[in-house]
Amino acid sequence: MPESRRHLLAALVGAAGVLAVEPLLAGLQAPAPGSGSSPRAKVYPNGRDPNAMTGIDDPSRPDPKAIERANQKEIKTEVAKLYEMVSELKEQIEKTDATSTLSLSVVKKARQIEKLAKQIKDLAKG
């Protein structure tokens, strides 16, 4: 009796396996010609069709000239800010006595100027 149960259980597991795999196997088969289903898109290794025309309206690639213009505009505003900060620092130093030590505010302003100059340098590098 246990052996007949084993055969029955093996038959049920086999049938369930076939029923579970059948939809997967049906999806791998090519559609029959004239079946009316649309053809599947071909998958390319880099995700793009090499034969497709690349136009200006390609949204996946940013316009390098637009990026360059935006960087130039940002650099100009940062340089104007740097010029203003340097002018303020110059005025502060001219007001202080040459024999006394520099105040903490002057040192902080110089560090801010250094940081802004480094940001401008990084922007200019691209």
N, C-alpha and C. Protein backbone atom coordinates (compact mmCIF):
# COMPACT_ATOMS: atom_id res chain seq x y z
N MET A 1 0.80 -1.19 0.00
CA MET A 1 0.00 0.00 0.00
C MET A 1 0.85 1.27 0.00
N PRO A 2 1.93 1.38 0.82
CA PRO A 2 2.75 2.58 0.79
C PRO A 2 3.39 2.81 -0.58
N GLU A 3 3.70 1.73 -1.31
CA GLU A 3 4.31 1.88 -2.61
C GLU A 3 3.31 2.47 -3.61
N SER A 4 2.06 2.13 -3.54
CA SER A 4 1.05 2.69 -4.43
C SER A 4 0.83 4.17 -4.12
N ARG A 5 0.93 4.51 -2.86
CA ARG A 5 0.82 5.93 -2.50
C ARG A 5 1.98 6.72 -3.08
N ARG A 6 3.17 6.09 -3.04
CA ARG A 6 4.35 6.76 -3.59
C ARG A 6 4.18 6.99 -5.09
N HIS A 7 3.67 6.01 -5.80
CA HIS A 7 3.45 6.15 -7.24
C HIS A 7 2.40 7.23 -7.52
N LEU A 8 1.34 7.26 -6.73
CA LEU A 8 0.30 8.27 -6.90
C LEU A 8 0.86 9.67 -6.63
N LEU A 9 1.62 9.80 -5.55
CA LEU A 9 2.21 11.09 -5.20
C LEU A 9 3.19 11.54 -6.28
N ALA A 10 4.00 10.64 -6.81
CA ALA A 10 4.95 10.99 -7.87
C ALA A 10 4.21 11.42 -9.12
N ALA A 11 3.11 10.77 -9.45
CA ALA A 11 2.32 11.14 -10.63
C ALA A 11 1.69 12.52 -10.44
N LEU A 12 1.18 12.81 -9.25
CA LEU A 12 0.58 14.12 -8.99
C LEU A 12 1.62 15.24 -9.04
N VAL A 13 2.80 15.00 -8.47
CA VAL A 13 3.86 16.01 -8.50
C VAL A 13 4.32 16.24 -9.94
N GLY A 14 4.45 15.21 -10.73
CA GLY A 14 4.84 15.34 -12.13
C GLY A 14 3.81 16.13 -12.92
N ALA A 15 2.52 15.83 -12.71
CA ALA A 15 1.46 16.55 -13.42
C ALA A 15 1.44 18.02 -13.01
N ALA A 16 1.62 18.29 -11.72
CA ALA A 16 1.65 19.68 -11.25
C ALA A 16 2.84 20.42 -11.83
N GLY A 17 3.98 19.75 -11.94
CA GLY A 17 5.17 20.36 -12.53
C GLY A 17 4.97 20.71 -13.98
N VAL A 18 4.35 19.81 -14.72
CA VAL A 18 4.08 20.06 -16.14
C VAL A 18 3.11 21.22 -16.30
N LEU A 19 2.08 21.28 -15.47
CA LEU A 19 1.11 22.37 -15.55
C LEU A 19 1.74 23.71 -15.16
N ALA A 20 2.68 23.67 -14.23
CA ALA A 20 3.32 24.91 -13.80
C ALA A 20 4.31 25.43 -14.84
N VAL A 21 4.98 24.56 -15.55
CA VAL A 21 6.01 24.95 -16.52
C VAL A 21 5.42 25.25 -17.89
N GLU A 22 4.26 24.74 -18.19
CA GLU A 22 3.66 24.90 -19.52
C GLU A 22 3.51 26.36 -19.93
N PRO A 23 3.01 27.28 -19.08
CA PRO A 23 2.92 28.67 -19.52
C PRO A 23 4.28 29.29 -19.81
N LEU A 24 5.29 28.89 -19.07
CA LEU A 24 6.63 29.42 -19.33
C LEU A 24 7.16 28.94 -20.67
N LEU A 25 6.93 27.68 -20.97
CA LEU A 25 7.39 27.15 -22.25
C LEU A 25 6.60 27.74 -23.41
N ALA A 26 5.33 28.00 -23.22
CA ALA A 26 4.51 28.58 -24.28
C ALA A 26 4.97 30.00 -24.59
N GLY A 27 5.46 30.73 -23.59
CA GLY A 27 5.95 32.10 -23.80
C GLY A 27 7.25 32.14 -24.57
N LEU A 28 8.03 31.07 -24.54
CA LEU A 28 9.30 31.04 -25.25
C LEU A 28 9.14 30.73 -26.72
N GLN A 29 8.03 30.12 -27.10
CA GLN A 29 7.82 29.76 -28.50
C GLN A 29 7.47 31.00 -29.30
N ALA A 30 7.93 31.03 -30.54
CA ALA A 30 7.61 32.13 -31.44
C ALA A 30 6.15 32.03 -31.84
N PRO A 31 5.45 33.15 -31.99
CA PRO A 31 4.05 33.09 -32.41
C PRO A 31 3.94 32.57 -33.84
N ALA A 32 2.88 31.85 -34.07
CA ALA A 32 2.65 31.30 -35.40
C ALA A 32 2.36 32.44 -36.37
N PRO A 33 2.85 32.35 -37.62
CA PRO A 33 2.57 33.41 -38.58
C PRO A 33 1.07 33.51 -38.85
N GLY A 34 0.59 34.72 -38.86
CA GLY A 34 -0.82 34.94 -39.11
C GLY A 34 -1.68 34.78 -37.87
N SER A 35 -1.05 34.64 -36.71
CA SER A 35 -1.84 34.47 -35.50
C SER A 35 -2.41 35.80 -35.00
N GLY A 36 -1.89 36.91 -35.55
CA GLY A 36 -2.43 38.21 -35.18
C GLY A 36 -1.72 38.84 -34.01
N SER A 37 -0.84 38.14 -33.35
CA SER A 37 -0.14 38.76 -32.22
C SER A 37 1.02 39.59 -32.74
N SER A 38 1.31 40.65 -32.04
CA SER A 38 2.37 41.55 -32.49
C SER A 38 3.73 40.93 -32.21
N PRO A 39 4.70 41.21 -33.05
CA PRO A 39 6.04 40.65 -32.83
C PRO A 39 6.70 41.31 -31.62
N ARG A 40 7.53 40.57 -30.96
CA ARG A 40 8.22 41.11 -29.79
C ARG A 40 9.40 41.97 -30.24
N ALA A 41 9.70 42.97 -29.45
CA ALA A 41 10.82 43.82 -29.76
C ALA A 41 12.12 43.07 -29.49
N LYS A 42 13.09 43.28 -30.36
CA LYS A 42 14.37 42.61 -30.21
C LYS A 42 15.16 43.31 -29.10
N VAL A 43 15.80 42.54 -28.26
CA VAL A 43 16.58 43.09 -27.17
C VAL A 43 18.03 43.21 -27.62
N TYR A 44 18.59 44.41 -27.48
CA TYR A 44 19.97 44.65 -27.87
C TYR A 44 20.84 44.70 -26.62
N PRO A 45 22.12 44.35 -26.75
CA PRO A 45 23.00 44.27 -25.57
C PRO A 45 23.12 45.57 -24.80
N ASN A 46 23.22 46.70 -25.49
CA ASN A 46 23.36 47.97 -24.77
C ASN A 46 22.03 48.70 -24.62
N GLY A 47 20.94 48.06 -24.97
CA GLY A 47 19.63 48.65 -24.77
C GLY A 47 19.15 49.55 -25.88
N ARG A 48 19.95 49.73 -26.92
CA ARG A 48 19.56 50.62 -28.02
C ARG A 48 19.70 49.88 -29.35
N ASP A 49 18.84 50.18 -30.26
CA ASP A 49 18.91 49.62 -31.60
C ASP A 49 20.00 50.36 -32.37
N PRO A 50 21.05 49.67 -32.82
CA PRO A 50 22.12 50.38 -33.52
C PRO A 50 21.69 50.92 -34.87
N ASN A 51 20.62 50.38 -35.43
CA ASN A 51 20.14 50.85 -36.73
C ASN A 51 19.15 52.00 -36.62
N ALA A 52 18.70 52.29 -35.40
CA ALA A 52 17.74 53.37 -35.22
C ALA A 52 18.43 54.71 -35.40
N MET A 53 17.71 55.65 -36.00
CA MET A 53 18.28 56.97 -36.21
C MET A 53 18.32 57.72 -34.89
N THR A 54 19.44 58.32 -34.61
CA THR A 54 19.56 59.14 -33.41
C THR A 54 19.34 60.59 -33.82
N GLY A 55 18.34 61.16 -33.24
CA GLY A 55 17.99 62.52 -33.60
C GLY A 55 18.29 63.49 -32.46
N ILE A 56 17.98 64.73 -32.71
CA ILE A 56 18.19 65.77 -31.70
C ILE A 56 17.20 65.60 -30.56
N ASP A 57 16.05 65.02 -30.84
CA ASP A 57 15.01 64.86 -29.83
C ASP A 57 15.21 63.64 -28.94
N ASP A 58 16.41 63.10 -28.90
CA ASP A 58 16.70 61.92 -28.08
C ASP A 58 16.73 62.32 -26.61
N PRO A 59 15.71 61.96 -25.83
CA PRO A 59 15.65 62.42 -24.44
C PRO A 59 16.61 61.69 -23.52
N SER A 60 17.16 60.56 -23.95
CA SER A 60 18.02 59.79 -23.06
C SER A 60 19.42 60.39 -22.95
N ARG A 61 19.80 61.25 -23.87
CA ARG A 61 21.14 61.84 -23.84
C ARG A 61 21.01 63.36 -23.67
N PRO A 62 21.59 63.93 -22.60
CA PRO A 62 21.48 65.37 -22.39
C PRO A 62 22.32 66.13 -23.43
N ASP A 63 21.89 67.34 -23.70
CA ASP A 63 22.57 68.19 -24.67
C ASP A 63 23.84 68.75 -24.03
N PRO A 64 25.02 68.41 -24.56
CA PRO A 64 26.26 68.88 -23.93
C PRO A 64 26.42 70.40 -23.98
N LYS A 65 25.91 71.02 -25.03
CA LYS A 65 26.01 72.49 -25.13
C LYS A 65 25.16 73.17 -24.06
N ALA A 66 23.99 72.62 -23.79
CA ALA A 66 23.12 73.19 -22.76
C ALA A 66 23.77 73.04 -21.38
N ILE A 67 24.41 71.91 -21.15
CA ILE A 67 25.09 71.70 -19.87
C ILE A 67 26.24 72.69 -19.74
N GLU A 68 26.98 72.89 -20.82
CA GLU A 68 28.11 73.83 -20.79
C GLU A 68 27.64 75.26 -20.53
N ARG A 69 26.52 75.65 -21.16
CA ARG A 69 25.98 77.00 -20.92
C ARG A 69 25.55 77.17 -19.47
N ALA A 70 24.92 76.14 -18.91
CA ALA A 70 24.49 76.22 -17.51
C ALA A 70 25.70 76.30 -16.58
N ASN A 71 26.75 75.54 -16.89
CA ASN A 71 27.96 75.61 -16.07
C ASN A 71 28.61 76.99 -16.15
N GLN A 72 28.66 77.56 -17.35
CA GLN A 72 29.25 78.89 -17.52
C GLN A 72 28.47 79.94 -16.74
N LYS A 73 27.15 79.84 -16.77
CA LYS A 73 26.31 80.78 -16.04
C LYS A 73 26.56 80.65 -14.54
N GLU A 74 26.64 79.42 -14.05
CA GLU A 74 26.88 79.18 -12.64
C GLU A 74 28.27 79.68 -12.23
N ILE A 75 29.26 79.48 -13.10
CA ILE A 75 30.62 79.95 -12.81
C ILE A 75 30.63 81.47 -12.70
N LYS A 76 29.92 82.15 -13.60
CA LYS A 76 29.89 83.62 -13.56
C LYS A 76 29.27 84.12 -12.27
N THR A 77 28.17 83.51 -11.83
CA THR A 77 27.55 83.97 -10.58
C THR A 77 28.45 83.68 -9.38
N GLU A 78 29.14 82.52 -9.40
CA GLU A 78 30.03 82.18 -8.30
C GLU A 78 31.23 83.12 -8.27
N VAL A 79 31.77 83.50 -9.43
CA VAL A 79 32.90 84.43 -9.48
C VAL A 79 32.48 85.80 -8.97
N ALA A 80 31.27 86.23 -9.30
CA ALA A 80 30.77 87.51 -8.79
C ALA A 80 30.66 87.47 -7.27
N LYS A 81 30.19 86.36 -6.74
CA LYS A 81 30.09 86.19 -5.29
C LYS A 81 31.48 86.19 -4.66
N LEU A 82 32.43 85.53 -5.32
CA LEU A 82 33.80 85.49 -4.83
C LEU A 82 34.41 86.89 -4.81
N TYR A 83 34.18 87.65 -5.85
CA TYR A 83 34.70 89.01 -5.93
C TYR A 83 34.15 89.86 -4.78
N GLU A 84 32.87 89.71 -4.52
CA GLU A 84 32.24 90.46 -3.43
C GLU A 84 32.84 90.08 -2.08
N MET A 85 33.04 88.79 -1.86
CA MET A 85 33.61 88.34 -0.59
C MET A 85 35.05 88.82 -0.42
N VAL A 86 35.84 88.80 -1.51
CA VAL A 86 37.22 89.26 -1.44
C VAL A 86 37.26 90.76 -1.15
N SER A 87 36.36 91.50 -1.75
CA SER A 87 36.31 92.95 -1.50
C SER A 87 36.00 93.23 -0.03
N GLU A 88 35.05 92.48 0.54
CA GLU A 88 34.72 92.64 1.95
C GLU A 88 35.92 92.30 2.83
N LEU A 89 36.62 91.23 2.49
CA LEU A 89 37.79 90.83 3.27
C LEU A 89 38.88 91.90 3.19
N LYS A 90 39.07 92.47 2.01
CA LYS A 90 40.08 93.53 1.84
C LYS A 90 39.74 94.73 2.71
N GLU A 91 38.47 95.10 2.75
CA GLU A 91 38.05 96.24 3.59
C GLU A 91 38.28 95.94 5.07
N GLN A 92 37.98 94.73 5.49
CA GLN A 92 38.18 94.36 6.89
C GLN A 92 39.66 94.40 7.27
N ILE A 93 40.51 93.92 6.38
CA ILE A 93 41.94 93.91 6.67
C ILE A 93 42.50 95.33 6.68
N GLU A 94 42.01 96.19 5.80
CA GLU A 94 42.48 97.58 5.78
C GLU A 94 42.09 98.32 7.06
N LYS A 95 40.97 97.93 7.68
CA LYS A 95 40.51 98.59 8.91
C LYS A 95 41.31 98.15 10.13
N THR A 96 41.87 96.95 10.08
CA THR A 96 42.60 96.45 11.24
C THR A 96 44.01 97.04 11.27
N ASP A 97 44.58 97.06 12.46
CA ASP A 97 45.94 97.57 12.65
C ASP A 97 46.94 96.52 12.17
N ALA A 98 48.00 96.93 11.52
CA ALA A 98 48.98 96.00 10.97
C ALA A 98 49.76 95.28 12.06
N THR A 99 49.87 95.86 13.23
CA THR A 99 50.64 95.24 14.31
C THR A 99 49.82 94.25 15.12
N SER A 100 48.50 94.32 15.04
CA SER A 100 47.65 93.41 15.82
C SER A 100 47.40 92.11 15.06
N THR A 101 46.93 91.12 15.78
CA THR A 101 46.61 89.83 15.15
C THR A 101 45.27 89.94 14.41
N LEU A 102 45.09 89.06 13.45
CA LEU A 102 43.84 89.05 12.67
C LEU A 102 42.70 88.52 13.53
N SER A 103 41.52 89.08 13.32
CA SER A 103 40.35 88.63 14.08
C SER A 103 39.85 87.31 13.53
N LEU A 104 39.03 86.65 14.32
CA LEU A 104 38.47 85.37 13.92
C LEU A 104 37.55 85.51 12.71
N SER A 105 36.85 86.63 12.62
CA SER A 105 35.95 86.83 11.47
C SER A 105 36.73 86.92 10.16
N VAL A 106 37.92 87.50 10.21
CA VAL A 106 38.74 87.60 9.00
C VAL A 106 39.21 86.21 8.58
N VAL A 107 39.59 85.38 9.52
CA VAL A 107 40.04 84.03 9.21
C VAL A 107 38.89 83.21 8.64
N LYS A 108 37.71 83.34 9.23
CA LYS A 108 36.53 82.61 8.73
C LYS A 108 36.19 83.05 7.31
N LYS A 109 36.26 84.35 7.06
CA LYS A 109 35.96 84.87 5.73
C LYS A 109 36.97 84.32 4.71
N ALA A 110 38.24 84.24 5.11
CA ALA A 110 39.27 83.70 4.21
C ALA A 110 38.99 82.24 3.90
N ARG A 111 38.54 81.47 4.89
CA ARG A 111 38.22 80.06 4.65
C ARG A 111 37.02 79.93 3.71
N GLN A 112 36.02 80.79 3.89
CA GLN A 112 34.86 80.75 2.99
C GLN A 112 35.28 81.07 1.55
N ILE A 113 36.20 82.02 1.42
CA ILE A 113 36.70 82.39 0.09
C ILE A 113 37.44 81.22 -0.54
N GLU A 114 38.27 80.53 0.26
CA GLU A 114 38.97 79.35 -0.25
C GLU A 114 38.00 78.28 -0.72
N LYS A 115 36.97 78.04 0.08
CA LYS A 115 35.99 77.01 -0.26
C LYS A 115 35.26 77.36 -1.56
N LEU A 116 34.86 78.62 -1.69
CA LEU A 116 34.16 79.05 -2.91
C LEU A 116 35.09 78.97 -4.12
N ALA A 117 36.36 79.31 -3.96
CA ALA A 117 37.31 79.24 -5.06
C ALA A 117 37.50 77.79 -5.50
N LYS A 118 37.51 76.86 -4.55
CA LYS A 118 37.66 75.45 -4.90
C LYS A 118 36.42 74.96 -5.66
N GLN A 119 35.23 75.42 -5.24
CA GLN A 119 34.00 75.03 -5.96
C GLN A 119 34.05 75.54 -7.40
N ILE A 120 34.53 76.76 -7.59
CA ILE A 120 34.61 77.33 -8.94
C ILE A 120 35.61 76.53 -9.77
N LYS A 121 36.72 76.15 -9.16
CA LYS A 121 37.73 75.35 -9.87
C LYS A 121 37.15 74.02 -10.30
N ASP A 122 36.39 73.37 -9.41
CA ASP A 122 35.77 72.09 -9.75
C ASP A 122 34.74 72.24 -10.86
N LEU A 123 33.98 73.33 -10.83
CA LEU A 123 33.00 73.58 -11.89
C LEU A 123 33.70 73.79 -13.23
N ALA A 124 34.81 74.50 -13.20
CA ALA A 124 35.53 74.79 -14.44
C ALA A 124 36.13 73.52 -15.02
N LYS A 125 36.52 72.58 -14.16
CA LYS A 125 37.07 71.31 -14.65
C LYS A 125 36.00 70.50 -15.37
N GLY A 126 34.76 70.65 -14.92
CA GLY A 126 33.67 69.92 -15.56
C GLY A 126 33.27 68.77 -14.83
